[in-house]
Amino acid sequence: MNKNSIRNLMKKASEKVGYYEKMPVNNVKVTVSDGNMKIGRVLNFSKMPGMSCGNCANCLPYCYDMKACAAYPSCLDARCRNYVLMLSDAGRDRVFDAIAARMTSRKRPENRYYRHDVGGELMDIDELERLVLLAKIRPNYTLWTYTKMHALVNLYVKQHGDSREKAIPANLVIMFSEWDGMPLINPYGFPIFTVRMKAGNKNHNPEYFERLYKCPGNCDLCKPEKSYDGKAHGCIAGEDTFNDEH
């Protein structure tokens, strides 16, 4: 997206956010999605990209979710409502209660997957703490999220045992998103999701990507019952993964 397109979209988003901020929090609808064509049958929650992202200057013009918000007004509206709810404790209570309830309603094991922030980012430690708690109370689920808020996650781990294994439940996979030209500080060894750029990468030579798992473009395909060898792969399994710029 070019600068003018981003500017116009963010203006629309700001107007929607302003509208929903004036409403009582209990009147703002939470949107938890059952999935879509890209990620498959994966329960997910998203916030407005750009607004909720604290470290997106390099990747915003390439943001897939920004493009979705520009193309689909209903997507933009849902992202803005969810973002507004995440601005208050009462709103966050409603969000995570809604996610937990939707998890309970899914009976089939192959549907017990949850992705946090298809659009948007971890906003603060409180959101991460709520996500960790969600993983603990739903141990039969696999949860995952992508984040460029590396410093925030590193601080949380330092405050909770100084070990990724102690701080983060085994069923919650946090993928450290890497963007070309952006420093990656990863002392606790979180798995990495990166993008192979069409014009080549400054951070890595072409051979680097040969050791990573190639994202197939649909999260359903990485679930154990869908994968070629009956095992989980990619982000679901916490493998270093990449996708091609598209």
Protein backbone atom coordinates (compact mmCIF):
# COMPACT_ATOMS: atom_id res chain seq x y z
CA MET A 1 0.00 0.00 0.00
CA ASN A 2 1.27 3.49 -0.77
CA LYS A 3 1.37 6.34 1.75
CA ASN A 4 -1.86 7.93 0.53
CA SER A 5 -3.77 4.65 0.75
CA ILE A 6 -2.49 4.05 4.27
CA ARG A 7 -3.32 7.61 5.29
CA ASN A 8 -6.89 7.35 3.95
CA LEU A 9 -7.46 3.98 5.60
CA MET A 10 -6.17 5.17 8.96
CA LYS A 11 -8.44 8.21 8.72
CA LYS A 12 -11.46 5.93 8.25
CA ALA A 13 -10.27 3.76 11.12
CA SER A 14 -9.83 6.78 13.40
CA GLU A 15 -13.38 7.89 12.68
CA LYS A 16 -14.74 4.45 13.49
CA VAL A 17 -12.69 4.19 16.67
CA GLY A 18 -13.92 7.62 17.76
CA TYR A 19 -17.51 6.51 17.17
CA TYR A 20 -17.17 3.30 19.19
CA GLU A 21 -15.24 5.01 21.99
CA LYS A 22 -18.37 7.09 22.71
CA MET A 23 -20.48 3.97 23.23
CA PRO A 24 -20.81 2.07 26.53
CA VAL A 25 -18.27 -0.75 26.43
CA ASN A 26 -21.00 -3.38 26.84
CA ASN A 27 -22.66 -2.13 23.64
CA VAL A 28 -19.53 -2.66 21.50
CA LYS A 29 -19.65 -6.05 19.81
CA VAL A 30 -16.70 -8.43 20.19
CA THR A 31 -15.73 -10.19 16.98
CA VAL A 32 -14.08 -13.59 17.30
CA SER A 33 -13.76 -15.24 13.90
CA ASP A 34 -14.11 -18.94 13.10
CA GLY A 35 -11.46 -18.65 10.40
CA ASN A 36 -11.13 -17.66 6.77
CA MET A 37 -9.79 -18.90 3.44
CA LYS A 38 -6.22 -17.96 4.35
CA ILE A 39 -5.87 -19.42 7.84
CA GLY A 40 -8.46 -22.20 7.62
CA ARG A 41 -10.67 -23.39 10.47
CA VAL A 42 -8.74 -21.54 13.14
CA LEU A 43 -10.49 -19.53 15.81
CA ASN A 44 -8.96 -16.05 15.86
CA PHE A 45 -9.16 -12.51 17.19
CA SER A 46 -7.73 -9.35 15.64
CA LYS A 47 -7.34 -5.64 16.29
CA MET A 48 -6.83 -2.71 13.95
CA PRO A 49 -3.34 -2.95 12.42
CA GLY A 50 -1.23 0.17 12.67
CA MET A 51 -3.22 1.46 15.63
CA SER A 52 -2.46 -1.47 17.89
CA CYS A 53 1.03 -2.13 16.52
CA GLY A 54 3.90 -0.55 18.40
CA ASN A 55 6.69 -1.56 16.04
CA CYS A 56 5.40 -1.55 12.47
CA ALA A 57 7.13 1.33 10.68
CA ASN A 58 9.03 -0.99 8.33
CA CYS A 59 6.26 -3.44 7.53
CA LEU A 60 3.11 -1.30 7.43
CA PRO A 61 3.20 -0.71 3.63
CA TYR A 62 3.32 -4.51 3.15
CA CYS A 63 0.74 -5.37 5.83
CA TYR A 64 -1.65 -8.06 4.61
CA ASP A 65 -4.28 -7.15 7.17
CA MET A 66 -4.19 -3.48 6.18
CA LYS A 67 -5.01 -4.61 2.65
CA ALA A 68 -7.89 -6.72 3.98
CA CYS A 69 -9.25 -3.75 5.93
CA ALA A 70 -9.08 -1.60 2.81
CA ALA A 71 -10.86 -4.21 0.70
CA TYR A 72 -13.59 -5.24 3.14
CA PRO A 73 -15.49 -2.60 5.17
CA SER A 74 -16.80 -5.29 7.55
CA CYS A 75 -13.23 -6.31 8.34
CA LEU A 76 -12.25 -2.71 9.08
CA ASP A 77 -15.29 -2.29 11.33
CA ALA A 78 -14.56 -5.46 13.30
CA ARG A 79 -10.89 -4.57 13.78
CA CYS A 80 -11.83 -1.10 15.06
CA ARG A 81 -14.42 -2.44 17.49
CA ASN A 82 -12.00 -5.00 18.88
CA TYR A 83 -9.30 -2.34 19.21
CA VAL A 84 -11.62 -0.06 21.17
CA LEU A 85 -12.53 -2.91 23.52
CA MET A 86 -8.84 -3.56 24.18
CA LEU A 87 -8.38 0.01 25.41
CA SER A 88 -10.11 -0.66 28.76
CA ASP A 89 -10.00 -3.36 31.41
CA ALA A 90 -13.76 -3.92 31.09
CA GLY A 91 -13.44 -4.28 27.34
CA ARG A 92 -10.55 -6.72 27.68
CA ASP A 93 -12.58 -8.80 30.12
CA ARG A 94 -15.33 -9.03 27.49
CA VAL A 95 -12.87 -9.95 24.75
CA PHE A 96 -11.14 -12.77 26.61
CA ASP A 97 -14.41 -14.08 28.03
CA ALA A 98 -15.77 -14.24 24.47
CA ILE A 99 -12.67 -16.06 23.20
CA ALA A 100 -12.81 -18.58 26.05
CA ALA A 101 -16.51 -19.20 25.44
CA ARG A 102 -15.93 -19.83 21.73
CA MET A 103 -13.15 -22.25 22.61
CA THR A 104 -15.53 -24.20 24.84
CA SER A 105 -18.08 -24.49 22.04
CA ARG A 106 -15.64 -26.20 19.67
CA LYS A 107 -15.94 -29.95 20.21
CA ARG A 108 -13.87 -31.44 17.38
CA PRO A 109 -10.14 -31.86 18.24
CA GLU A 110 -9.03 -30.69 14.79
CA ASN A 111 -10.70 -27.33 15.48
CA ARG A 112 -8.98 -26.67 18.80
CA TYR A 113 -6.57 -24.06 17.47
CA TYR A 114 -6.55 -20.37 18.26
CA ARG A 115 -4.55 -17.58 16.64
CA HIS A 116 -4.29 -14.28 18.47
CA ASP A 117 -3.91 -11.21 16.27
CA VAL A 118 -4.27 -12.14 12.63
CA GLY A 119 -4.34 -8.35 12.45
CA GLY A 120 -2.82 -6.14 15.10
CA GLU A 121 -0.22 -6.67 17.78
CA LEU A 122 0.33 -7.29 21.47
CA MET A 123 -0.30 -3.91 23.02
CA ASP A 124 1.18 -4.36 26.50
CA ILE A 125 2.13 -6.80 29.27
CA ASP A 126 -1.47 -7.08 30.44
CA GLU A 127 -2.60 -8.46 27.09
CA LEU A 128 0.22 -10.99 27.11
CA GLU A 129 -0.68 -12.03 30.67
CA ARG A 130 -4.29 -12.58 29.60
CA LEU A 131 -3.14 -14.66 26.63
CA VAL A 132 -0.94 -16.79 28.89
CA LEU A 133 -3.87 -17.33 31.28
CA LEU A 134 -6.10 -18.28 28.35
CA ALA A 135 -3.58 -20.96 27.35
CA LYS A 136 -3.48 -22.30 30.90
CA ILE A 137 -7.26 -22.62 31.24
CA ARG A 138 -7.58 -24.20 27.78
CA PRO A 139 -4.77 -26.82 27.82
CA ASN A 140 -6.52 -28.83 25.10
CA TYR A 141 -5.97 -25.98 22.65
CA THR A 142 -2.93 -24.94 20.64
CA LEU A 143 -2.60 -21.14 20.67
CA TRP A 144 -0.16 -18.99 18.77
CA THR A 145 0.59 -15.39 17.92
CA TYR A 146 3.14 -13.34 15.99
CA THR A 147 4.80 -10.29 17.44
CA LYS A 148 7.40 -7.66 16.69
CA MET A 149 7.08 -6.45 20.28
CA HIS A 150 10.17 -8.45 21.18
CA ALA A 151 11.20 -6.21 24.07
CA LEU A 152 7.76 -6.55 25.68
CA VAL A 153 7.86 -10.36 25.53
CA ASN A 154 11.47 -10.50 26.71
CA LEU A 155 10.57 -8.33 29.71
CA TYR A 156 7.63 -10.59 30.57
CA VAL A 157 9.84 -13.67 30.49
CA LYS A 158 12.49 -11.98 32.61
CA GLN A 159 9.82 -11.14 35.20
CA HIS A 160 8.41 -14.68 35.20
CA GLY A 161 11.34 -16.98 35.85
CA ASP A 162 13.85 -15.71 33.27
CA SER A 163 13.08 -18.74 31.11
CA ARG A 164 10.74 -19.15 28.15
CA GLU A 165 9.73 -22.60 29.36
CA LYS A 166 8.83 -21.27 32.83
CA ALA A 167 7.00 -18.14 31.62
CA ILE A 168 5.08 -19.39 28.57
CA PRO A 169 2.79 -22.47 28.61
CA ALA A 170 3.81 -25.22 26.21
CA ASN A 171 0.54 -24.89 24.28
CA LEU A 172 1.16 -21.19 23.54
CA VAL A 173 3.58 -20.54 20.69
CA ILE A 174 4.88 -16.98 20.40
CA MET A 175 6.52 -16.41 17.03
CA PHE A 176 8.99 -13.52 16.92
CA SER A 177 8.19 -11.75 13.66
CA GLU A 178 11.30 -10.57 11.86
CA TRP A 179 11.25 -7.86 9.24
CA ASP A 180 14.19 -7.15 6.98
CA GLY A 181 16.34 -4.35 8.35
CA MET A 182 14.78 -4.51 11.83
CA PRO A 183 16.91 -5.70 14.79
CA LEU A 184 15.84 -8.98 16.36
CA ILE A 185 16.66 -9.35 20.05
CA ASN A 186 15.81 -12.90 21.09
CA PRO A 187 17.73 -14.02 24.21
CA TYR A 188 15.12 -16.64 25.15
CA GLY A 189 15.11 -18.45 21.84
CA PHE A 190 11.59 -17.80 20.62
CA PRO A 191 10.82 -19.30 17.19
CA ILE A 192 11.06 -16.85 14.31
CA PHE A 193 8.72 -16.03 11.44
CA THR A 194 10.36 -14.03 8.66
CA VAL A 195 9.62 -12.91 5.11
CA ARG A 196 11.74 -13.63 2.05
CA MET A 197 11.63 -10.38 0.11
CA LYS A 198 11.32 -10.29 -3.67
CA ALA A 199 14.23 -7.87 -3.92
CA GLY A 200 16.41 -9.93 -1.57
CA ASN A 201 17.04 -9.59 2.15
CA LYS A 202 19.58 -7.41 3.90
CA ASN A 203 19.54 -9.55 7.05
CA HIS A 204 19.97 -12.96 5.40
CA ASN A 205 21.49 -14.55 2.33
CA PRO A 206 19.35 -16.90 0.18
CA GLU A 207 20.79 -20.02 1.84
CA TYR A 208 19.38 -18.93 5.22
CA PHE A 209 15.83 -19.74 4.14
CA GLU A 210 16.72 -23.33 3.21
CA ARG A 211 16.76 -24.35 6.88
CA LEU A 212 13.35 -22.77 7.65
CA TYR A 213 9.89 -24.28 7.23
CA LYS A 214 8.06 -22.76 4.24
CA CYS A 215 4.61 -21.48 5.19
CA PRO A 216 2.05 -23.25 2.95
CA GLY A 217 -0.35 -20.29 3.18
CA ASN A 218 -3.13 -21.99 5.15
CA CYS A 219 -2.87 -22.80 8.86
CA ASP A 220 -5.08 -25.88 8.39
CA LEU A 221 -2.27 -27.52 6.42
CA CYS A 222 0.10 -27.45 9.40
CA LYS A 223 -2.25 -29.20 11.82
CA PRO A 224 -1.18 -32.76 12.70
CA GLU A 225 -4.07 -34.48 10.92
CA LYS A 226 -3.45 -32.44 7.76
CA SER A 227 0.34 -32.60 7.52
CA TYR A 228 2.09 -35.15 5.33
CA ASP A 229 3.66 -37.12 8.19
CA GLY A 230 0.99 -36.80 10.89
CA LYS A 231 2.96 -34.23 12.88
CA ALA A 232 2.42 -30.52 13.47
CA HIS A 233 4.68 -28.18 11.53
CA GLY A 234 5.38 -24.48 11.15
CA CYS A 235 4.06 -21.92 13.58
CA ILE A 236 1.75 -24.44 15.26
CA ALA A 237 4.78 -26.50 16.22
CA GLY A 238 7.00 -23.53 16.99
CA GLU A 239 9.37 -24.04 14.05
CA ASP A 240 11.35 -21.21 12.50
CA THR A 241 9.23 -20.39 9.46
CA PHE A 242 9.20 -18.06 6.49
CA ASN A 243 6.83 -16.87 3.82
CA ASP A 244 7.51 -15.20 0.51
CA GLU A 245 6.54 -11.56 0.13
CA HIS A 246 3.13 -11.40 -1.56
